[in-house]
């Protein structure tokens, strides 16, 4: 991939031009990340709506047809399904099991667990299991 950065002429506004043969998932996320959309997620707790930036989120978990957002100390509910969140979230998030999505930036350490799974210790002290189906992607994303 070639990246070209040019100085705009005086009075010309900044712009991003993308030339590609195929608009893949990575480019769609890049466009969404820089397209000016509000990246904060609308979550609920105690009858109130909160706007949570992705960088504050540790992981998402689906329990009994509800999806919960886990931050450092708070837990919220969100009206998205996990597959919808996979499309909305930046690259540092990945599916870690059928019922959860994990923020890779929040992993403090990893340890092998029973049955080919991994256990992630997060920076807030919580532990999350990465099922063996997602371990290869985890290793690839972390360069292991």
N, C-alpha and C. Protein backbone atom coordinates (compact mmCIF):
# COMPACT_ATOMS: atom_id res chain seq x y z
N UNK A 1 0.84 -1.16 0.00
CA UNK A 1 0.00 0.00 0.00
C UNK A 1 0.89 1.23 0.00
N UNK A 2 0.51 2.19 -0.78
CA UNK A 2 1.26 3.43 -0.90
C UNK A 2 0.52 4.53 -0.16
N UNK A 3 1.23 5.34 0.61
CA UNK A 3 0.64 6.46 1.33
C UNK A 3 1.31 7.74 0.84
N UNK A 4 0.49 8.70 0.41
CA UNK A 4 1.00 9.98 -0.06
C UNK A 4 0.37 11.09 0.77
N UNK A 5 1.19 11.99 1.28
CA UNK A 5 0.71 13.13 2.05
C UNK A 5 1.12 14.40 1.33
N UNK A 6 0.16 15.25 1.03
CA UNK A 6 0.40 16.49 0.31
C UNK A 6 -0.05 17.69 1.14
N UNK A 7 0.63 18.82 1.00
CA UNK A 7 0.19 20.06 1.63
C UNK A 7 -0.93 20.66 0.79
N UNK A 8 -2.06 21.00 1.41
CA UNK A 8 -3.12 21.65 0.63
C UNK A 8 -2.72 23.08 0.27
N UNK A 9 -3.26 23.57 -0.83
CA UNK A 9 -3.02 24.96 -1.23
C UNK A 9 -3.67 25.89 -0.23
N UNK A 10 -3.21 27.14 -0.13
CA UNK A 10 -3.85 28.08 0.78
C UNK A 10 -5.35 28.20 0.47
N UNK A 11 -6.18 28.14 1.50
CA UNK A 11 -7.62 28.24 1.34
C UNK A 11 -8.29 26.90 1.03
N UNK A 12 -7.52 25.87 0.71
CA UNK A 12 -8.07 24.56 0.40
C UNK A 12 -8.23 23.78 1.71
N UNK A 13 -9.36 23.09 1.87
CA UNK A 13 -9.57 22.34 3.11
C UNK A 13 -8.85 21.01 3.07
N UNK A 14 -8.57 20.44 4.26
CA UNK A 14 -7.94 19.13 4.35
C UNK A 14 -8.91 18.09 3.79
N UNK A 15 -8.37 17.07 3.10
CA UNK A 15 -9.22 16.00 2.60
C UNK A 15 -8.43 14.70 2.55
N UNK A 16 -9.14 13.61 2.64
CA UNK A 16 -8.55 12.29 2.52
C UNK A 16 -9.15 11.65 1.27
N UNK A 17 -8.28 11.17 0.38
CA UNK A 17 -8.71 10.49 -0.84
C UNK A 17 -8.24 9.04 -0.74
N UNK A 18 -9.14 8.11 -0.97
CA UNK A 18 -8.78 6.69 -0.91
C UNK A 18 -8.94 6.09 -2.30
N UNK A 19 -7.86 5.52 -2.82
CA UNK A 19 -7.89 4.79 -4.08
C UNK A 19 -7.72 3.31 -3.74
N UNK A 20 -8.68 2.50 -4.13
CA UNK A 20 -8.55 1.08 -3.82
C UNK A 20 -9.28 0.24 -4.86
N UNK A 21 -8.80 -0.97 -5.04
CA UNK A 21 -9.46 -1.89 -5.96
C UNK A 21 -10.70 -2.51 -5.31
N UNK A 22 -10.64 -2.64 -3.99
CA UNK A 22 -11.73 -3.29 -3.26
C UNK A 22 -11.87 -2.61 -1.90
N UNK A 23 -13.08 -2.25 -1.55
CA UNK A 23 -13.34 -1.63 -0.25
C UNK A 23 -13.53 -2.75 0.77
N UNK A 24 -12.45 -3.06 1.52
CA UNK A 24 -12.53 -4.15 2.48
C UNK A 24 -12.90 -3.63 3.86
N UNK A 25 -13.00 -4.55 4.81
CA UNK A 25 -13.43 -4.22 6.17
C UNK A 25 -12.51 -3.20 6.84
N UNK A 26 -11.21 -3.34 6.62
CA UNK A 26 -10.25 -2.41 7.22
C UNK A 26 -10.44 -0.99 6.73
N UNK A 27 -10.68 -0.84 5.43
CA UNK A 27 -10.91 0.50 4.88
C UNK A 27 -12.23 1.08 5.36
N UNK A 28 -13.25 0.24 5.46
CA UNK A 28 -14.54 0.72 5.96
C UNK A 28 -14.39 1.25 7.37
N UNK A 29 -13.64 0.53 8.20
CA UNK A 29 -13.42 0.99 9.59
C UNK A 29 -12.61 2.29 9.60
N UNK A 30 -11.61 2.38 8.74
CA UNK A 30 -10.81 3.60 8.65
C UNK A 30 -11.69 4.79 8.28
N UNK A 31 -12.53 4.60 7.30
CA UNK A 31 -13.45 5.67 6.88
C UNK A 31 -14.38 6.05 8.02
N UNK A 32 -14.90 5.05 8.70
CA UNK A 32 -15.82 5.32 9.82
C UNK A 32 -15.09 6.05 10.95
N UNK A 33 -13.84 5.62 11.24
CA UNK A 33 -13.06 6.24 12.32
C UNK A 33 -12.75 7.71 12.04
N UNK A 34 -12.50 8.06 10.77
CA UNK A 34 -12.11 9.42 10.43
C UNK A 34 -13.19 10.19 9.70
N UNK A 35 -14.35 9.61 9.56
CA UNK A 35 -15.42 10.24 8.80
C UNK A 35 -16.24 11.25 9.58
N UNK A 36 -15.89 11.50 10.82
CA UNK A 36 -16.60 12.51 11.58
C UNK A 36 -17.77 11.99 12.39
N UNK A 37 -18.08 10.69 12.31
CA UNK A 37 -19.16 10.14 13.12
C UNK A 37 -18.73 10.15 14.59
N UNK A 38 -19.70 10.31 15.47
CA UNK A 38 -19.41 10.26 16.90
C UNK A 38 -19.06 8.82 17.26
N UNK A 39 -17.83 8.55 17.70
CA UNK A 39 -17.42 7.17 17.97
C UNK A 39 -17.98 6.63 19.30
N UNK A 40 -18.55 7.50 20.13
CA UNK A 40 -19.04 7.06 21.42
C UNK A 40 -20.25 6.14 21.26
N UNK A 41 -20.34 5.16 22.14
CA UNK A 41 -21.45 4.21 22.12
C UNK A 41 -22.50 4.64 23.13
N UNK A 42 -23.75 4.54 22.73
CA UNK A 42 -24.86 4.90 23.61
C UNK A 42 -25.22 3.69 24.46
N UNK A 43 -25.02 3.82 25.76
CA UNK A 43 -25.24 2.73 26.70
C UNK A 43 -26.25 3.17 27.76
N UNK A 44 -26.82 2.19 28.46
CA UNK A 44 -27.82 2.48 29.50
C UNK A 44 -27.39 1.90 30.84
N UNK A 45 -27.78 2.65 31.87
CA UNK A 45 -27.58 2.16 33.24
C UNK A 45 -28.51 2.96 34.14
N UNK A 46 -29.28 2.26 34.95
CA UNK A 46 -30.18 2.89 35.92
C UNK A 46 -31.11 3.90 35.26
N UNK A 47 -31.63 3.58 34.09
CA UNK A 47 -32.59 4.44 33.41
C UNK A 47 -31.98 5.66 32.73
N UNK A 48 -30.66 5.78 32.74
CA UNK A 48 -29.98 6.91 32.11
C UNK A 48 -29.22 6.43 30.88
N UNK A 49 -28.98 7.34 29.94
CA UNK A 49 -28.18 7.04 28.76
C UNK A 49 -26.80 7.66 28.94
N UNK A 50 -25.78 6.86 28.71
CA UNK A 50 -24.39 7.31 28.83
C UNK A 50 -23.73 7.18 27.46
N UNK A 51 -22.81 8.09 27.16
CA UNK A 51 -22.06 8.06 25.92
C UNK A 51 -20.63 7.65 26.25
N UNK A 52 -20.28 6.42 25.89
CA UNK A 52 -19.00 5.83 26.30
C UNK A 52 -18.06 5.75 25.10
N UNK A 53 -16.89 6.42 25.19
CA UNK A 53 -15.91 6.29 24.11
C UNK A 53 -15.29 4.89 24.12
N UNK A 54 -15.00 4.33 22.94
CA UNK A 54 -14.43 2.97 22.87
C UNK A 54 -13.15 2.80 23.70
N UNK A 55 -12.36 3.85 23.83
CA UNK A 55 -11.10 3.70 24.57
C UNK A 55 -11.30 3.47 26.07
N UNK A 56 -12.51 3.64 26.58
CA UNK A 56 -12.80 3.37 27.99
C UNK A 56 -13.34 1.96 28.22
N UNK A 57 -13.57 1.22 27.14
CA UNK A 57 -14.22 -0.09 27.23
C UNK A 57 -13.17 -1.19 27.32
N UNK A 58 -13.39 -2.13 28.24
CA UNK A 58 -12.51 -3.28 28.42
C UNK A 58 -13.01 -4.46 27.59
N UNK A 59 -14.32 -4.77 27.69
CA UNK A 59 -14.88 -5.85 26.89
C UNK A 59 -16.40 -5.76 26.87
N UNK A 60 -16.99 -6.53 25.97
CA UNK A 60 -18.44 -6.67 25.84
C UNK A 60 -18.76 -8.12 26.10
N UNK A 61 -19.94 -8.36 26.71
CA UNK A 61 -20.36 -9.74 26.95
C UNK A 61 -21.85 -9.86 26.73
N UNK A 62 -22.24 -10.92 26.05
CA UNK A 62 -23.65 -11.20 25.80
C UNK A 62 -24.12 -12.24 26.81
N UNK A 63 -25.18 -11.89 27.55
CA UNK A 63 -25.75 -12.78 28.56
C UNK A 63 -27.27 -12.70 28.44
N UNK A 64 -27.92 -13.84 28.22
CA UNK A 64 -29.39 -13.88 28.15
C UNK A 64 -29.96 -12.85 27.19
N UNK A 65 -29.45 -12.81 25.96
CA UNK A 65 -29.93 -11.90 24.91
C UNK A 65 -29.75 -10.42 25.24
N UNK A 66 -28.88 -10.11 26.19
CA UNK A 66 -28.54 -8.72 26.49
C UNK A 66 -27.03 -8.59 26.33
N UNK A 67 -26.58 -7.41 25.88
CA UNK A 67 -25.15 -7.18 25.73
C UNK A 67 -24.72 -6.12 26.74
N UNK A 68 -23.69 -6.45 27.49
CA UNK A 68 -23.18 -5.57 28.53
C UNK A 68 -21.81 -5.03 28.14
N UNK A 69 -21.57 -3.78 28.54
CA UNK A 69 -20.33 -3.08 28.27
C UNK A 69 -19.58 -2.96 29.59
N UNK A 70 -18.37 -3.51 29.65
CA UNK A 70 -17.58 -3.48 30.87
C UNK A 70 -16.46 -2.45 30.73
N UNK A 71 -16.52 -1.46 31.60
CA UNK A 71 -15.46 -0.44 31.66
C UNK A 71 -14.62 -0.73 32.90
N UNK A 72 -13.75 0.18 33.28
CA UNK A 72 -12.85 -0.09 34.40
C UNK A 72 -13.62 -0.45 35.68
N UNK A 73 -14.63 0.34 36.02
CA UNK A 73 -15.38 0.09 37.25
C UNK A 73 -16.88 -0.01 37.05
N UNK A 74 -17.37 0.34 35.88
CA UNK A 74 -18.81 0.38 35.62
C UNK A 74 -19.21 -0.65 34.58
N UNK A 75 -20.48 -1.08 34.65
CA UNK A 75 -21.05 -1.98 33.66
C UNK A 75 -22.33 -1.34 33.14
N UNK A 76 -22.45 -1.31 31.81
CA UNK A 76 -23.61 -0.71 31.15
C UNK A 76 -24.26 -1.75 30.25
N UNK A 77 -25.45 -1.44 29.79
CA UNK A 77 -26.12 -2.29 28.80
C UNK A 77 -26.18 -1.52 27.50
N UNK A 78 -26.09 -2.24 26.37
CA UNK A 78 -26.13 -1.60 25.06
C UNK A 78 -27.13 -2.33 24.18
N UNK A 79 -27.74 -1.59 23.25
CA UNK A 79 -28.77 -2.17 22.39
C UNK A 79 -28.24 -2.76 21.10
N UNK A 80 -26.99 -3.14 21.04
CA UNK A 80 -26.42 -3.76 19.85
C UNK A 80 -26.16 -5.23 20.11
N UNK A 81 -26.18 -6.00 19.06
CA UNK A 81 -25.74 -7.39 19.12
C UNK A 81 -24.22 -7.39 18.94
N UNK A 82 -23.55 -8.47 19.35
CA UNK A 82 -22.10 -8.52 19.23
C UNK A 82 -21.63 -8.40 17.79
N UNK A 83 -22.33 -9.02 16.85
CA UNK A 83 -21.90 -8.94 15.45
C UNK A 83 -22.01 -7.51 14.93
N UNK A 84 -22.96 -6.73 15.44
CA UNK A 84 -23.07 -5.32 15.06
C UNK A 84 -21.91 -4.52 15.63
N UNK A 85 -21.54 -4.83 16.87
CA UNK A 85 -20.42 -4.13 17.51
C UNK A 85 -19.11 -4.42 16.79
N UNK A 86 -18.94 -5.63 16.29
CA UNK A 86 -17.71 -5.96 15.55
C UNK A 86 -17.52 -5.02 14.37
N UNK A 87 -18.61 -4.63 13.74
CA UNK A 87 -18.56 -3.71 12.60
C UNK A 87 -18.28 -2.27 13.03
N UNK A 88 -18.74 -1.90 14.22
CA UNK A 88 -18.62 -0.52 14.69
C UNK A 88 -17.28 -0.21 15.36
N UNK A 89 -16.67 -1.21 15.95
CA UNK A 89 -15.52 -0.98 16.83
C UNK A 89 -14.21 -0.85 16.06
N UNK A 90 -13.25 -0.10 16.62
CA UNK A 90 -11.93 0.02 16.00
C UNK A 90 -11.15 -1.29 16.06
N UNK A 91 -10.00 -1.30 15.41
CA UNK A 91 -9.18 -2.50 15.24
C UNK A 91 -8.71 -3.14 16.54
N UNK A 92 -8.60 -2.38 17.60
CA UNK A 92 -8.07 -2.96 18.83
C UNK A 92 -9.06 -3.87 19.55
N UNK A 93 -10.26 -4.02 19.00
CA UNK A 93 -11.25 -4.94 19.56
C UNK A 93 -11.31 -6.19 18.70
N UNK A 94 -11.49 -7.35 19.36
CA UNK A 94 -11.65 -8.60 18.62
C UNK A 94 -12.58 -9.53 19.37
N UNK A 95 -13.21 -10.39 18.61
CA UNK A 95 -14.08 -11.40 19.20
C UNK A 95 -13.20 -12.35 19.98
N UNK A 96 -13.56 -12.64 21.23
CA UNK A 96 -12.75 -13.54 22.05
C UNK A 96 -13.49 -14.85 22.37
N UNK A 97 -14.80 -14.86 22.13
CA UNK A 97 -15.61 -16.06 22.26
C UNK A 97 -16.95 -15.79 21.59
N UNK A 98 -17.82 -16.78 21.55
CA UNK A 98 -19.13 -16.56 20.93
C UNK A 98 -19.92 -15.49 21.69
N UNK A 99 -19.58 -15.28 22.94
CA UNK A 99 -20.37 -14.35 23.76
C UNK A 99 -19.60 -13.11 24.21
N UNK A 100 -18.40 -12.86 23.65
CA UNK A 100 -17.67 -11.67 24.10
C UNK A 100 -16.75 -11.08 23.04
N UNK A 101 -16.51 -9.79 23.20
CA UNK A 101 -15.54 -9.03 22.40
C UNK A 101 -14.60 -8.35 23.37
N UNK A 102 -13.31 -8.40 23.10
CA UNK A 102 -12.28 -7.94 24.02
C UNK A 102 -11.48 -6.80 23.41
N UNK A 103 -11.09 -5.82 24.23
CA UNK A 103 -10.19 -4.76 23.80
C UNK A 103 -8.76 -5.22 24.06
N UNK A 104 -7.99 -5.37 22.99
CA UNK A 104 -6.62 -5.86 23.12
C UNK A 104 -5.73 -4.90 23.90
N UNK A 105 -6.04 -3.61 23.84
CA UNK A 105 -5.24 -2.61 24.56
C UNK A 105 -5.37 -2.74 26.07
N UNK A 106 -6.38 -3.46 26.54
CA UNK A 106 -6.63 -3.61 27.98
C UNK A 106 -6.02 -4.88 28.56
N UNK A 107 -5.33 -5.66 27.75
CA UNK A 107 -4.73 -6.91 28.24
C UNK A 107 -3.42 -6.60 28.94
N UNK A 108 -3.33 -7.04 30.19
CA UNK A 108 -2.10 -6.89 30.97
C UNK A 108 -1.20 -8.10 30.77
N UNK A 109 -1.80 -9.30 30.78
CA UNK A 109 -1.03 -10.52 30.56
C UNK A 109 -1.94 -11.61 30.01
N UNK A 110 -1.30 -12.61 29.41
CA UNK A 110 -2.00 -13.77 28.86
C UNK A 110 -1.40 -15.03 29.45
N UNK A 111 -2.27 -16.02 29.68
CA UNK A 111 -1.78 -17.31 30.16
C UNK A 111 -2.57 -18.42 29.47
N UNK A 112 -1.91 -19.51 29.12
CA UNK A 112 -2.64 -20.64 28.54
C UNK A 112 -3.64 -21.18 29.57
N UNK A 113 -4.78 -21.62 29.08
CA UNK A 113 -5.81 -22.20 29.94
C UNK A 113 -6.15 -23.58 29.40
N UNK A 114 -6.93 -24.31 30.12
CA UNK A 114 -7.32 -25.67 29.76
C UNK A 114 -7.99 -25.72 28.38
N UNK A 115 -7.69 -26.75 27.60
CA UNK A 115 -8.38 -26.99 26.33
C UNK A 115 -7.98 -26.07 25.19
N UNK A 116 -6.77 -25.53 25.22
CA UNK A 116 -6.31 -24.68 24.13
C UNK A 116 -6.79 -23.24 24.22
N UNK A 117 -7.46 -22.91 25.30
CA UNK A 117 -7.93 -21.54 25.48
C UNK A 117 -6.83 -20.70 26.14
N UNK A 118 -7.04 -19.39 26.15
CA UNK A 118 -6.15 -18.48 26.86
C UNK A 118 -6.97 -17.71 27.87
N UNK A 119 -6.30 -17.29 28.94
CA UNK A 119 -6.93 -16.41 29.91
C UNK A 119 -6.21 -15.07 29.86
N UNK A 120 -6.98 -14.01 29.67
CA UNK A 120 -6.41 -12.66 29.64
C UNK A 120 -6.68 -11.99 30.98
N UNK A 121 -5.63 -11.49 31.59
CA UNK A 121 -5.76 -10.65 32.78
C UNK A 121 -5.79 -9.22 32.27
N UNK A 122 -6.86 -8.50 32.58
CA UNK A 122 -7.01 -7.14 32.10
C UNK A 122 -6.41 -6.15 33.10
N UNK A 123 -6.19 -4.94 32.66
CA UNK A 123 -5.54 -3.94 33.51
C UNK A 123 -6.40 -3.53 34.70
N UNK A 124 -7.69 -3.86 34.69
CA UNK A 124 -8.54 -3.56 35.85
C UNK A 124 -8.65 -4.76 36.79
N UNK A 125 -7.90 -5.84 36.51
CA UNK A 125 -7.88 -7.01 37.39
C UNK A 125 -8.86 -8.11 36.99
N UNK A 126 -9.75 -7.85 36.05
CA UNK A 126 -10.70 -8.88 35.61
C UNK A 126 -10.00 -9.88 34.71
N UNK A 127 -10.55 -11.08 34.66
CA UNK A 127 -10.02 -12.14 33.81
C UNK A 127 -11.08 -12.52 32.77
N UNK A 128 -10.62 -12.66 31.52
CA UNK A 128 -11.52 -13.01 30.42
C UNK A 128 -10.91 -14.19 29.68
N UNK A 129 -11.75 -15.17 29.34
CA UNK A 129 -11.29 -16.34 28.60
C UNK A 129 -11.39 -16.09 27.11
N UNK A 130 -10.33 -16.44 26.38
CA UNK A 130 -10.35 -16.39 24.92
C UNK A 130 -10.48 -17.84 24.46
N UNK A 131 -11.58 -18.15 23.79
CA UNK A 131 -11.80 -19.53 23.38
C UNK A 131 -10.82 -19.93 22.29
N UNK A 132 -10.55 -21.23 22.19
CA UNK A 132 -9.49 -21.71 21.29
C UNK A 132 -9.74 -21.35 19.84
N UNK A 133 -10.99 -21.16 19.45
CA UNK A 133 -11.32 -20.76 18.08
C UNK A 133 -10.71 -19.40 17.74
N UNK A 134 -10.58 -18.51 18.74
CA UNK A 134 -10.10 -17.15 18.50
C UNK A 134 -8.64 -16.94 18.89
N UNK A 135 -7.98 -17.95 19.44
CA UNK A 135 -6.58 -17.83 19.85
C UNK A 135 -5.66 -17.52 18.67
N UNK A 136 -5.81 -18.17 17.49
CA UNK A 136 -4.92 -17.82 16.38
C UNK A 136 -5.03 -16.34 15.97
N UNK A 137 -6.22 -15.80 15.94
CA UNK A 137 -6.39 -14.37 15.59
C UNK A 137 -5.75 -13.50 16.67
N UNK A 138 -5.92 -13.86 17.92
CA UNK A 138 -5.30 -13.13 19.02
C UNK A 138 -3.79 -13.10 18.86
N UNK A 139 -3.20 -14.25 18.60
CA UNK A 139 -1.75 -14.33 18.42
C UNK A 139 -1.30 -13.49 17.24
N UNK A 140 -2.05 -13.53 16.16
CA UNK A 140 -1.71 -12.75 14.98
C UNK A 140 -1.76 -11.26 15.29
N UNK A 141 -2.85 -10.81 15.93
CA UNK A 141 -3.01 -9.38 16.22
C UNK A 141 -1.96 -8.86 17.20
N UNK A 142 -1.53 -9.73 18.11
CA UNK A 142 -0.53 -9.32 19.11
C UNK A 142 0.90 -9.63 18.66
N UNK A 143 1.05 -10.24 17.50
CA UNK A 143 2.39 -10.54 16.99
C UNK A 143 3.09 -11.65 17.76
N UNK A 144 2.33 -12.62 18.24
CA UNK A 144 2.91 -13.73 19.01
C UNK A 144 3.21 -14.93 18.14
